[in-house]
Amino acid sequence: MNDTVECPYCGHENDMSDGLTDLSSDNKFDHECSCCEREFEVEVEFDPIYSASEIVYVSCEKCGVETRDPAKKGSIFPWPQFIDQNTLCRSCFLRAHQEEYDKC
């Protein structure tokens, strides 16, 4: 990533190493040139970074359906108290929560 940007007014290379701090949602911010002191708009562009990993499917311990996005006891709080299983598909997890809330 290039940490400098050329001022559109005077051509001075401005250091942008702190530019990503508090970056707005549109990836733009105003910057004052350190040479001519005029303000200009900077737009930050990000290059995509790709990585790959295996898709891991696990079986729901309640209904047996294969899922790649399980709810796991210990990583989700609160876990329904009456559920003895440790790994549920999202449907079983949400139904268990609904049952628990219905008891209140």
PDB file of N, CA and C in Angstrom:
ATOM      1  N   MET A   1       0.843  -1.185   0.000  1.00  0.00           N
ATOM      2  CA  MET A   1       0.000   0.000   0.000  1.00  0.00           C
ATOM      3  C   MET A   1       0.883   1.243   0.000  1.00  0.00           C
ATOM      4  N   ASN A   2       0.553   2.195  -0.850  1.00  0.00           N
ATOM      5  CA  ASN A   2       1.298   3.437  -0.942  1.00  0.00           C
ATOM      6  C   ASN A   2       0.855   4.349   0.197  1.00  0.00           C
ATOM      7  N   ASP A   3       1.803   4.814   1.009  1.00  0.00           N
ATOM      8  CA  ASP A   3       1.476   5.643   2.171  1.00  0.00           C
ATOM      9  C   ASP A   3       1.581   7.132   1.895  1.00  0.00           C
ATOM     10  N   THR A   4       1.639   7.515   0.626  1.00  0.00           N
ATOM     11  CA  THR A   4       1.672   8.939   0.286  1.00  0.00           C
ATOM     12  C   THR A   4       0.636   9.210  -0.797  1.00  0.00           C
ATOM     13  N   VAL A   5       0.196  10.467  -0.844  1.00  0.00           N
ATOM     14  CA  VAL A   5      -0.703  10.900  -1.900  1.00  0.00           C
ATOM     15  C   VAL A   5      -0.257  12.287  -2.338  1.00  0.00           C
ATOM     16  N   GLU A   6      -0.330  12.516  -3.645  1.00  0.00           N
ATOM     17  CA  GLU A   6       0.119  13.781  -4.200  1.00  0.00           C
ATOM     18  C   GLU A   6      -0.982  14.828  -4.050  1.00  0.00           C
ATOM     19  N   CYS A   7      -0.624  15.992  -3.564  1.00  0.00           N
ATOM     20  CA  CYS A   7      -1.553  17.109  -3.435  1.00  0.00           C
ATOM     21  C   CYS A   7      -2.004  17.526  -4.835  1.00  0.00           C
ATOM     22  N   PRO A   8      -3.320  17.623  -5.063  1.00  0.00           N
ATOM     23  CA  PRO A   8      -3.787  18.010  -6.400  1.00  0.00           C
ATOM     24  C   PRO A   8      -3.499  19.476  -6.730  1.00  0.00           C
ATOM     25  N   TYR A   9      -3.103  20.285  -5.761  1.00  0.00           N
ATOM     26  CA  TYR A   9      -2.839  21.706  -5.980  1.00  0.00           C
ATOM     27  C   TYR A   9      -1.360  21.984  -6.253  1.00  0.00           C
ATOM     28  N   CYS A  10      -0.489  21.438  -5.390  1.00  0.00           N
ATOM     29  CA  CYS A  10       0.935  21.782  -5.530  1.00  0.00           C
ATOM     30  C   CYS A  10       1.820  20.591  -5.897  1.00  0.00           C
ATOM     31  N   GLY A  11       1.285  19.379  -5.880  1.00  0.00           N
ATOM     32  CA  GLY A  11       2.063  18.201  -6.260  1.00  0.00           C
ATOM     33  C   GLY A  11       2.918  17.614  -5.158  1.00  0.00           C
ATOM     34  N   HIS A  12       2.874  18.178  -3.950  1.00  0.00           N
ATOM     35  CA  HIS A  12       3.673  17.666  -2.827  1.00  0.00           C
ATOM     36  C   HIS A  12       3.159  16.292  -2.408  1.00  0.00           C
ATOM     37  N   GLU A  13       4.085  15.374  -2.113  1.00  0.00           N
ATOM     38  CA  GLU A  13       3.723  14.035  -1.622  1.00  0.00           C
ATOM     39  C   GLU A  13       3.438  14.118  -0.130  1.00  0.00           C
ATOM     40  N   ASN A  14       2.196  13.866   0.267  1.00  0.00           N
ATOM     41  CA  ASN A  14       1.770  13.935   1.663  1.00  0.00           C
ATOM     42  C   ASN A  14       1.751  12.536   2.269  1.00  0.00           C
ATOM     43  N   ASP A  15       2.240  12.434   3.480  1.00  0.00           N
ATOM     44  CA  ASP A  15       2.272  11.173   4.222  1.00  0.00           C
ATOM     45  C   ASP A  15       0.856  10.808   4.657  1.00  0.00           C
ATOM     46  N   MET A  16       0.403   9.608   4.315  1.00  0.00           N
ATOM     47  CA  MET A  16      -0.945   9.150   4.650  1.00  0.00           C
ATOM     48  C   MET A  16      -0.931   7.982   5.634  1.00  0.00           C
ATOM     49  N   SER A  17       0.196   7.745   6.309  1.00  0.00           N
ATOM     50  CA  SER A  17       0.303   6.577   7.186  1.00  0.00           C
ATOM     51  C   SER A  17      -0.717   6.602   8.321  1.00  0.00           C
ATOM     52  N   ASP A  18      -1.186   7.797   8.716  1.00  0.00           N
ATOM     53  CA  ASP A  18      -2.220   7.883   9.758  1.00  0.00           C
ATOM     54  C   ASP A  18      -3.615   8.064   9.173  1.00  0.00           C
ATOM     55  N   GLY A  19      -3.757   7.972   7.861  1.00  0.00           N
ATOM     56  CA  GLY A  19      -5.019   8.250   7.192  1.00  0.00           C
ATOM     57  C   GLY A  19      -6.128   7.253   7.442  1.00  0.00           C
ATOM     58  N   LEU A  20      -5.794   6.041   7.834  1.00  0.00           N
ATOM     59  CA  LEU A  20      -6.826   5.034   8.051  1.00  0.00           C
ATOM     60  C   LEU A  20      -7.443   5.110   9.426  1.00  0.00           C
ATOM     61  N   THR A  21      -6.946   5.974  10.282  1.00  0.00           N
ATOM     62  CA  THR A  21      -7.514   6.155  11.611  1.00  0.00           C
ATOM     63  C   THR A  21      -8.858   6.844  11.467  1.00  0.00           C
ATOM     64  N   ASP A  22      -9.888   6.244  12.046  1.00  0.00           N
ATOM     65  CA  ASP A  22     -11.251   6.795  11.997  1.00  0.00           C
ATOM     66  C   ASP A  22     -11.724   7.052  10.574  1.00  0.00           C
ATOM     67  N   LEU A  23     -11.495   6.109   9.690  1.00  0.00           N
ATOM     68  CA  LEU A  23     -11.927   6.222   8.302  1.00  0.00           C
ATOM     69  C   LEU A  23     -13.446   6.120   8.236  1.00  0.00           C
ATOM     70  N   SER A  24     -14.087   7.037   7.521  1.00  0.00           N
ATOM     71  CA  SER A  24     -15.550   7.030   7.417  1.00  0.00           C
ATOM     72  C   SER A  24     -16.021   5.871   6.551  1.00  0.00           C
ATOM     73  N   SER A  25     -17.310   5.626   6.558  1.00  0.00           N
ATOM     74  CA  SER A  25     -17.861   4.480   5.843  1.00  0.00           C
ATOM     75  C   SER A  25     -17.719   4.584   4.327  1.00  0.00           C
ATOM     76  N   ASP A  26     -17.570   5.795   3.798  1.00  0.00           N
ATOM     77  CA  ASP A  26     -17.396   5.943   2.350  1.00  0.00           C
ATOM     78  C   ASP A  26     -15.917   5.944   1.936  1.00  0.00           C
ATOM     79  N   ASN A  27     -15.019   5.677   2.887  1.00  0.00           N
ATOM     80  CA  ASN A  27     -13.570   5.595   2.651  1.00  0.00           C
ATOM     81  C   ASN A  27     -12.974   6.902   2.133  1.00  0.00           C
ATOM     82  N   LYS A  28     -13.550   8.027   2.541  1.00  0.00           N
ATOM     83  CA  LYS A  28     -13.041   9.334   2.141  1.00  0.00           C
ATOM     84  C   LYS A  28     -12.787  10.195   3.370  1.00  0.00           C
ATOM     85  N   PHE A  29     -11.795  11.072   3.271  1.00  0.00           N
ATOM     86  CA  PHE A  29     -11.549  12.037   4.340  1.00  0.00           C
ATOM     87  C   PHE A  29     -10.837  13.251   3.753  1.00  0.00           C
ATOM     88  N   ASP A  30     -10.937  14.371   4.444  1.00  0.00           N
ATOM     89  CA  ASP A  30     -10.266  15.599   4.026  1.00  0.00           C
ATOM     90  C   ASP A  30      -8.888  15.653   4.666  1.00  0.00           C
ATOM     91  N   HIS A  31      -7.922  16.156   3.923  1.00  0.00           N
ATOM     92  CA  HIS A  31      -6.541  16.238   4.412  1.00  0.00           C
ATOM     93  C   HIS A  31      -5.972  17.587   4.001  1.00  0.00           C
ATOM     94  N   GLU A  32      -5.207  18.187   4.890  1.00  0.00           N
ATOM     95  CA  GLU A  32      -4.541  19.451   4.593  1.00  0.00           C
ATOM     96  C   GLU A  32      -3.119  19.162   4.144  1.00  0.00           C
ATOM     97  N   CYS A  33      -2.742  19.696   3.001  1.00  0.00           N
ATOM     98  CA  CYS A  33      -1.403  19.504   2.462  1.00  0.00           C
ATOM     99  C   CYS A  33      -0.370  20.082   3.422  1.00  0.00           C
ATOM    100  N   SER A  34       0.679  19.326   3.685  1.00  0.00           N
ATOM    101  CA  SER A  34       1.716  19.795   4.607  1.00  0.00           C
ATOM    102  C   SER A  34       2.620  20.845   3.961  1.00  0.00           C
ATOM    103  N   CYS A  35       2.475  21.071   2.655  1.00  0.00           N
ATOM    104  CA  CYS A  35       3.291  22.079   1.978  1.00  0.00           C
ATOM    105  C   CYS A  35       2.497  23.363   1.718  1.00  0.00           C
ATOM    106  N   CYS A  36       1.388  23.276   0.957  1.00  0.00           N
ATOM    107  CA  CYS A  36       0.636  24.487   0.593  1.00  0.00           C
ATOM    108  C   CYS A  36      -0.521  24.778   1.545  1.00  0.00           C
ATOM    109  N   GLU A  37      -0.797  23.868   2.473  1.00  0.00           N
ATOM    110  CA  GLU A  37      -1.826  24.003   3.502  1.00  0.00           C
ATOM    111  C   GLU A  37      -3.248  24.122   2.946  1.00  0.00           C
ATOM    112  N   ARG A  38      -3.470  23.685   1.705  1.00  0.00           N
ATOM    113  CA  ARG A  38      -4.819  23.648   1.145  1.00  0.00           C
ATOM    114  C   ARG A  38      -5.418  22.277   1.427  1.00  0.00           C
ATOM    115  N   GLU A  39      -6.733  22.247   1.624  1.00  0.00           N
ATOM    116  CA  GLU A  39      -7.413  20.989   1.909  1.00  0.00           C
ATOM    117  C   GLU A  39      -7.850  20.315   0.618  1.00  0.00           C
ATOM    118  N   PHE A  40      -7.724  18.992   0.628  1.00  0.00           N
ATOM    119  CA  PHE A  40      -8.208  18.197  -0.498  1.00  0.00           C
ATOM    120  C   PHE A  40      -8.808  16.904   0.038  1.00  0.00           C
ATOM    121  N   GLU A  41      -9.581  16.249  -0.804  1.00  0.00           N
ATOM    122  CA  GLU A  41     -10.248  15.010  -0.395  1.00  0.00           C
ATOM    123  C   GLU A  41      -9.397  13.812  -0.794  1.00  0.00           C
ATOM    124  N   VAL A  42      -9.295  12.856   0.125  1.00  0.00           N
ATOM    125  CA  VAL A  42      -8.552  11.618  -0.122  1.00  0.00           C
ATOM    126  C   VAL A  42      -9.546  10.471  -0.096  1.00  0.00           C
ATOM    127  N   GLU A  43      -9.481   9.625  -1.112  1.00  0.00           N
ATOM    128  CA  GLU A  43     -10.317   8.422  -1.144  1.00  0.00           C
ATOM    129  C   GLU A  43      -9.399   7.212  -1.031  1.00  0.00           C
ATOM    130  N   VAL A  44      -9.709   6.338  -0.085  1.00  0.00           N
ATOM    131  CA  VAL A  44      -8.891   5.151   0.159  1.00  0.00           C
ATOM    132  C   VAL A  44      -9.509   3.970  -0.583  1.00  0.00           C
ATOM    133  N   GLU A  45      -8.686   3.285  -1.362  1.00  0.00           N
ATOM    134  CA  GLU A  45      -9.122   2.087  -2.066  1.00  0.00           C
ATOM    135  C   GLU A  45      -8.376   0.897  -1.493  1.00  0.00           C
ATOM    136  N   PHE A  46      -9.094  -0.197  -1.325  1.00  0.00           N
ATOM    137  CA  PHE A  46      -8.503  -1.407  -0.767  1.00  0.00           C
ATOM    138  C   PHE A  46      -8.455  -2.484  -1.839  1.00  0.00           C
ATOM    139  N   ASP A  47      -7.324  -3.148  -1.935  1.00  0.00           N
ATOM    140  CA  ASP A  47      -7.193  -4.278  -2.840  1.00  0.00           C
ATOM    141  C   ASP A  47      -7.782  -5.504  -2.166  1.00  0.00           C
ATOM    142  N   PRO A  48      -8.507  -6.319  -2.902  1.00  0.00           N
ATOM    143  CA  PRO A  48      -9.060  -7.527  -2.275  1.00  0.00           C
ATOM    144  C   PRO A  48      -7.947  -8.498  -1.895  1.00  0.00           C
ATOM    145  N   ILE A  49      -8.132  -9.161  -0.784  1.00  0.00           N
ATOM    146  CA  ILE A  49      -7.202 -10.187  -0.321  1.00  0.00           C
ATOM    147  C   ILE A  49      -7.996 -11.482  -0.236  1.00  0.00           C
ATOM    148  N   TYR A  50      -7.514 -12.509  -0.889  1.00  0.00           N
ATOM    149  CA  TYR A  50      -8.216 -13.783  -0.934  1.00  0.00           C
ATOM    150  C   TYR A  50      -7.479 -14.810  -0.088  1.00  0.00           C
ATOM    151  N   SER A  51      -8.250 -15.653   0.565  1.00  0.00           N
ATOM    152  CA  SER A  51      -7.686 -16.798   1.270  1.00  0.00           C
ATOM    153  C   SER A  51      -8.695 -17.937   1.141  1.00  0.00           C
ATOM    154  N   ALA A  52      -8.238 -19.137   1.332  1.00  0.00           N
ATOM    155  CA  ALA A  52      -9.107 -20.299   1.168  1.00  0.00           C
ATOM    156  C   ALA A  52      -8.978 -21.219   2.368  1.00  0.00           C
ATOM    157  N   SER A  53     -10.060 -21.873   2.682  1.00  0.00           N
ATOM    158  CA  SER A  53     -10.046 -22.893   3.732  1.00  0.00           C
ATOM    159  C   SER A  53     -11.120 -23.924   3.414  1.00  0.00           C
ATOM    160  N   GLU A  54     -10.968 -25.081   3.993  1.00  0.00           N
ATOM    161  CA  GLU A  54     -11.943 -26.137   3.784  1.00  0.00           C
ATOM    162  C   GLU A  54     -13.269 -25.758   4.423  1.00  0.00           C
ATOM    163  N   ILE A  55     -14.369 -26.228   3.833  1.00  0.00           N
ATOM    164  CA  ILE A  55     -15.682 -26.080   4.446  1.00  0.00           C
ATOM    165  C   ILE A  55     -15.859 -27.282   5.374  1.00  0.00           C
ATOM    166  N   VAL A  56     -16.107 -27.004   6.622  1.00  0.00           N
ATOM    167  CA  VAL A  56     -16.268 -28.072   7.604  1.00  0.00           C
ATOM    168  C   VAL A  56     -17.733 -28.148   7.996  1.00  0.00           C
ATOM    169  N   TYR A  57     -18.345 -29.282   7.720  1.00  0.00           N
ATOM    170  CA  TYR A  57     -19.723 -29.522   8.107  1.00  0.00           C
ATOM    171  C   TYR A  57     -19.744 -30.362   9.378  1.00  0.00           C
ATOM    172  N   VAL A  58     -20.645 -30.021  10.296  1.00  0.00           N
ATOM    173  CA  VAL A  58     -20.827 -30.803  11.511  1.00  0.00           C
ATOM    174  C   VAL A  58     -22.302 -31.184  11.612  1.00  0.00           C
ATOM    175  N   SER A  59     -22.554 -32.257  12.317  1.00  0.00           N
ATOM    176  CA  SER A  59     -23.929 -32.721  12.491  1.00  0.00           C
ATOM    177  C   SER A  59     -24.528 -32.101  13.735  1.00  0.00           C
ATOM    178  N   CYS A  60     -25.760 -31.658  13.621  1.00  0.00           N
ATOM    179  CA  CYS A  60     -26.507 -31.167  14.779  1.00  0.00           C
ATOM    180  C   CYS A  60     -26.737 -32.349  15.710  1.00  0.00           C
ATOM    181  N   GLU A  61     -26.424 -32.188  16.973  1.00  0.00           N
ATOM    182  CA  GLU A  61     -26.570 -33.272  17.937  1.00  0.00           C
ATOM    183  C   GLU A  61     -28.028 -33.507  18.335  1.00  0.00           C
ATOM    184  N   LYS A  62     -28.928 -32.651  17.873  1.00  0.00           N
ATOM    185  CA  LYS A  62     -30.346 -32.826  18.192  1.00  0.00           C
ATOM    186  C   LYS A  62     -31.110 -33.442  17.025  1.00  0.00           C
ATOM    187  N   CYS A  63     -30.987 -32.867  15.812  1.00  0.00           N
ATOM    188  CA  CYS A  63     -31.772 -33.358  14.671  1.00  0.00           C
ATOM    189  C   CYS A  63     -30.942 -34.098  13.630  1.00  0.00           C
ATOM    190  N   GLY A  64     -29.610 -33.978  13.688  1.00  0.00           N
ATOM    191  CA  GLY A  64     -28.731 -34.696  12.775  1.00  0.00           C
ATOM    192  C   GLY A  64     -28.433 -33.998  11.458  1.00  0.00           C
ATOM    193  N   VAL A  65     -29.005 -32.833  11.211  1.00  0.00           N
ATOM    194  CA  VAL A  65     -28.758 -32.137   9.956  1.00  0.00           C
ATOM    195  C   VAL A  65     -27.302 -31.664   9.902  1.00  0.00           C
ATOM    196  N   GLU A  66     -26.728 -31.686   8.682  1.00  0.00           N
ATOM    197  CA  GLU A  66     -25.363 -31.218   8.478  1.00  0.00           C
ATOM    198  C   GLU A  66     -25.397 -29.700   8.328  1.00  0.00           C
ATOM    199  N   THR A  67     -24.497 -28.991   9.018  1.00  0.00           N
ATOM    200  CA  THR A  67     -24.437 -27.538   8.939  1.00  0.00           C
ATOM    201  C   THR A  67     -23.001 -27.062   8.957  1.00  0.00           C
ATOM    202  N   ARG A  68     -22.760 -25.930   8.312  1.00  0.00           N
ATOM    203  CA  ARG A  68     -21.420 -25.334   8.342  1.00  0.00           C
ATOM    204  C   ARG A  68     -21.385 -24.141   9.286  1.00  0.00           C
ATOM    205  N   ASP A  69     -22.522 -23.794   9.887  1.00  0.00           N
ATOM    206  CA  ASP A  69     -22.613 -22.662  10.811  1.00  0.00           C
ATOM    207  C   ASP A  69     -23.323 -23.107  12.088  1.00  0.00           C
ATOM    208  N   PRO A  70     -22.675 -23.980  12.874  1.00  0.00           N
ATOM    209  CA  PRO A  70     -23.360 -24.485  14.059  1.00  0.00           C
ATOM    210  C   PRO A  70     -23.324 -23.514  15.240  1.00  0.00           C
ATOM    211  N   ALA A  71     -24.261 -23.698  16.132  1.00  0.00           N
ATOM    212  CA  ALA A  71     -24.234 -23.014  17.429  1.00  0.00           C
ATOM    213  C   ALA A  71     -23.526 -23.970  18.382  1.00  0.00           C
ATOM    214  N   LYS A  72     -22.483 -23.491  19.048  1.00  0.00           N
ATOM    215  CA  LYS A  72     -21.697 -24.357  19.936  1.00  0.00           C
ATOM    216  C   LYS A  72     -21.759 -23.844  21.365  1.00  0.00           C
ATOM    217  N   LYS A  73     -22.026 -24.763  22.281  1.00  0.00           N
ATOM    218  CA  LYS A  73     -22.047 -24.421  23.698  1.00  0.00           C
ATOM    219  C   LYS A  73     -20.668 -23.910  24.100  1.00  0.00           C
ATOM    220  N   GLY A  74     -20.638 -22.829  24.839  1.00  0.00           N
ATOM    221  CA  GLY A  74     -19.382 -22.224  25.249  1.00  0.00           C
ATOM    222  C   GLY A  74     -18.976 -21.055  24.378  1.00  0.00           C
ATOM    223  N   SER A  75     -19.500 -21.006  23.137  1.00  0.00           N
ATOM    224  CA  SER A  75     -19.192 -19.866  22.278  1.00  0.00           C
ATOM    225  C   SER A  75     -20.406 -18.963  22.085  1.00  0.00           C
ATOM    226  N   ILE A  76     -21.573 -19.415  22.537  1.00  0.00           N
ATOM    227  CA  ILE A  76     -22.793 -18.611  22.470  1.00  0.00           C
ATOM    228  C   ILE A  76     -23.386 -18.521  23.868  1.00  0.00           C
ATOM    229  N   PHE A  77     -23.689 -17.302  24.281  1.00  0.00           N
ATOM    230  CA  PHE A  77     -24.282 -17.082  25.596  1.00  0.00           C
ATOM    231  C   PHE A  77     -25.525 -16.229  25.419  1.00  0.00           C
ATOM    232  N   PRO A  78     -26.622 -16.519  26.044  1.00  0.00           N
ATOM    233  CA  PRO A  78     -26.840 -17.651  26.944  1.00  0.00           C
ATOM    234  C   PRO A  78     -27.199 -18.907  26.166  1.00  0.00           C
ATOM    235  N   TRP A  79     -26.773 -20.025  26.670  1.00  0.00           N
ATOM    236  CA  TRP A  79     -27.103 -21.335  26.100  1.00  0.00           C
ATOM    237  C   TRP A  79     -28.341 -21.838  26.835  1.00  0.00           C
ATOM    238  N   PRO A  80     -29.345 -22.325  26.125  1.00  0.00           N
ATOM    239  CA  PRO A  80     -30.553 -22.813  26.797  1.00  0.00           C
ATOM    240  C   PRO A  80     -30.209 -23.858  27.856  1.00  0.00           C
ATOM    241  N   GLN A  81     -30.701 -23.655  29.056  1.00  0.00           N
ATOM    242  CA  GLN A  81     -30.313 -24.493  30.195  1.00  0.00           C
ATOM    243  C   GLN A  81     -30.748 -25.944  30.051  1.00  0.00           C
ATOM    244  N   PHE A  82     -31.879 -26.187  29.409  1.00  0.00           N
ATOM    245  CA  PHE A  82     -32.383 -27.558  29.338  1.00  0.00           C
ATOM    246  C   PHE A  82     -31.774 -28.370  28.191  1.00  0.00           C
ATOM    247  N   ILE A  83     -30.906 -27.786  27.386  1.00  0.00           N
ATOM    248  CA  ILE A  83     -30.283 -28.487  26.259  1.00  0.00           C
ATOM    249  C   ILE A  83     -28.995 -29.152  26.729  1.00  0.00           C
ATOM    250  N   ASP A  84     -28.929 -30.480  26.564  1.00  0.00           N
ATOM    251  CA  ASP A  84     -27.746 -31.239  26.962  1.00  0.00           C
ATOM    252  C   ASP A  84     -26.687 -31.302  25.855  1.00  0.00           C
ATOM    253  N   GLN A  85     -27.098 -31.097  24.603  1.00  0.00           N
ATOM    254  CA  GLN A  85     -26.184 -31.183  23.475  1.00  0.00           C
ATOM    255  C   GLN A  85     -25.233 -29.980  23.473  1.00  0.00           C
ATOM    256  N   ASN A  86     -24.078 -30.176  22.814  1.00  0.00           N
ATOM    257  CA  ASN A  86     -23.063 -29.128  22.727  1.00  0.00           C
ATOM    258  C   ASN A  86     -23.016 -28.437  21.371  1.00  0.00           C
ATOM    259  N   THR A  87     -23.571 -29.064  20.323  1.00  0.00           N
ATOM    260  CA  THR A  87     -23.540 -28.517  18.975  1.00  0.00           C
ATOM    261  C   THR A  87     -24.919 -28.654  18.349  1.00  0.00           C
ATOM    262  N   LEU A  88     -25.494 -27.516  17.956  1.00  0.00           N
ATOM    263  CA  LEU A  88     -26.822 -27.515  17.353  1.00  0.00           C
ATOM    264  C   LEU A  88     -26.787 -26.746  16.034  1.00  0.00           C
ATOM    265  N   CYS A  89     -27.687 -27.133  15.113  1.00  0.00           N
ATOM    266  CA  CYS A  89     -27.887 -26.289  13.934  1.00  0.00           C
ATOM    267  C   CYS A  89     -28.614 -25.035  14.409  1.00  0.00           C
ATOM    268  N   ARG A  90     -28.600 -24.001  13.610  1.00  0.00           N
ATOM    269  CA  ARG A  90     -29.218 -22.730  14.031  1.00  0.00           C
ATOM    270  C   ARG A  90     -30.718 -22.888  14.282  1.00  0.00           C
ATOM    271  N   SER A  91     -31.396 -23.719  13.503  1.00  0.00           N
ATOM    272  CA  SER A  91     -32.843 -23.918  13.693  1.00  0.00           C
ATOM    273  C   SER A  91     -33.139 -24.527  15.057  1.00  0.00           C
ATOM    274  N   CYS A  92     -32.418 -25.572  15.424  1.00  0.00           N
ATOM    275  CA  CYS A  92     -32.637 -26.200  16.735  1.00  0.00           C
ATOM    276  C   CYS A  92     -32.270 -25.245  17.865  1.00  0.00           C
ATOM    277  N   PHE A  93     -31.206 -24.474  17.675  1.00  0.00           N
ATOM    278  CA  PHE A  93     -30.791 -23.517  18.695  1.00  0.00           C
ATOM    279  C   PHE A  93     -31.867 -22.454  18.904  1.00  0.00           C
ATOM    280  N   LEU A  94     -32.395 -21.911  17.827  1.00  0.00           N
ATOM    281  CA  LEU A  94     -33.425 -20.880  17.942  1.00  0.00           C
ATOM    282  C   LEU A  94     -34.722 -21.432  18.527  1.00  0.00           C
ATOM    283  N   ARG A  95     -35.082 -22.661  18.144  1.00  0.00           N
ATOM    284  CA  ARG A  95     -36.280 -23.296  18.734  1.00  0.00           C
ATOM    285  C   ARG A  95     -36.089 -23.514  20.232  1.00  0.00           C
ATOM    286  N   ALA A  96     -34.882 -23.924  20.637  1.00  0.00           N
ATOM    287  CA  ALA A  96     -34.601 -24.134  22.058  1.00  0.00           C
ATOM    288  C   ALA A  96     -34.710 -22.821  22.825  1.00  0.00           C
ATOM    289  N   HIS A  97     -34.212 -21.753  22.257  1.00  0.00           N
ATOM    290  CA  HIS A  97     -34.345 -20.439  22.902  1.00  0.00           C
ATOM    291  C   HIS A  97     -35.810 -20.039  23.023  1.00  0.00           C
ATOM    292  N   GLN A  98     -36.567 -20.271  21.960  1.00  0.00           N
ATOM    293  CA  GLN A  98     -37.991 -19.921  21.996  1.00  0.00           C
ATOM    294  C   GLN A  98     -38.710 -20.715  23.089  1.00  0.00           C
ATOM    295  N   GLU A  99     -38.407 -22.001  23.188  1.00  0.00           N
ATOM    296  CA  GLU A  99     -39.025 -22.842  24.229  1.00  0.00           C
ATOM    297  C   GLU A  99     -38.662 -22.312  25.620  1.00  0.00           C
ATOM    298  N   GLU A 100     -37.415 -21.934  25.802  1.00  0.00           N
ATOM    299  CA  GLU A 100     -36.977 -21.424  27.097  1.00  0.00           C
ATOM    300  C   GLU A 100     -37.689 -20.108  27.442  1.00  0.00           C
ATOM    301  N   TYR A 101     -37.832 -19.222  26.461  1.00  0.00           N
ATOM    302  CA  TYR A 101     -38.516 -17.959  26.696  1.00  0.00           C
ATOM    303  C   TYR A 101     -40.010 -18.151  26.935  1.00  0.00           C
ATOM    304  N   ASP A 102     -40.593 -19.150  26.265  1.00  0.00           N
ATOM    305  CA  ASP A 102     -42.024 -19.446  26.456  1.00  0.00           C
ATOM    306  C   ASP A 102     -42.317 -19.939  27.865  1.00  0.00           C
ATOM    307  N   LYS A 103     -41.325 -20.545  28.518  1.00  0.00           N
ATOM    308  CA  LYS A 103     -41.509 -21.062  29.882  1.00  0.00           C
ATOM    309  C   LYS A 103     -41.533 -19.930  30.909  1.00  0.00           C
ATOM    310  N   CYS A 104     -40.982 -18.774  30.552  1.00  0.00           N
ATOM    311  CA  CYS A 104     -40.907 -17.645  31.504  1.00  0.00           C
ATOM    312  C   CYS A 104     -42.240 -16.995  31.743  1.00  0.00           C
TER     313      CYS A 104
END
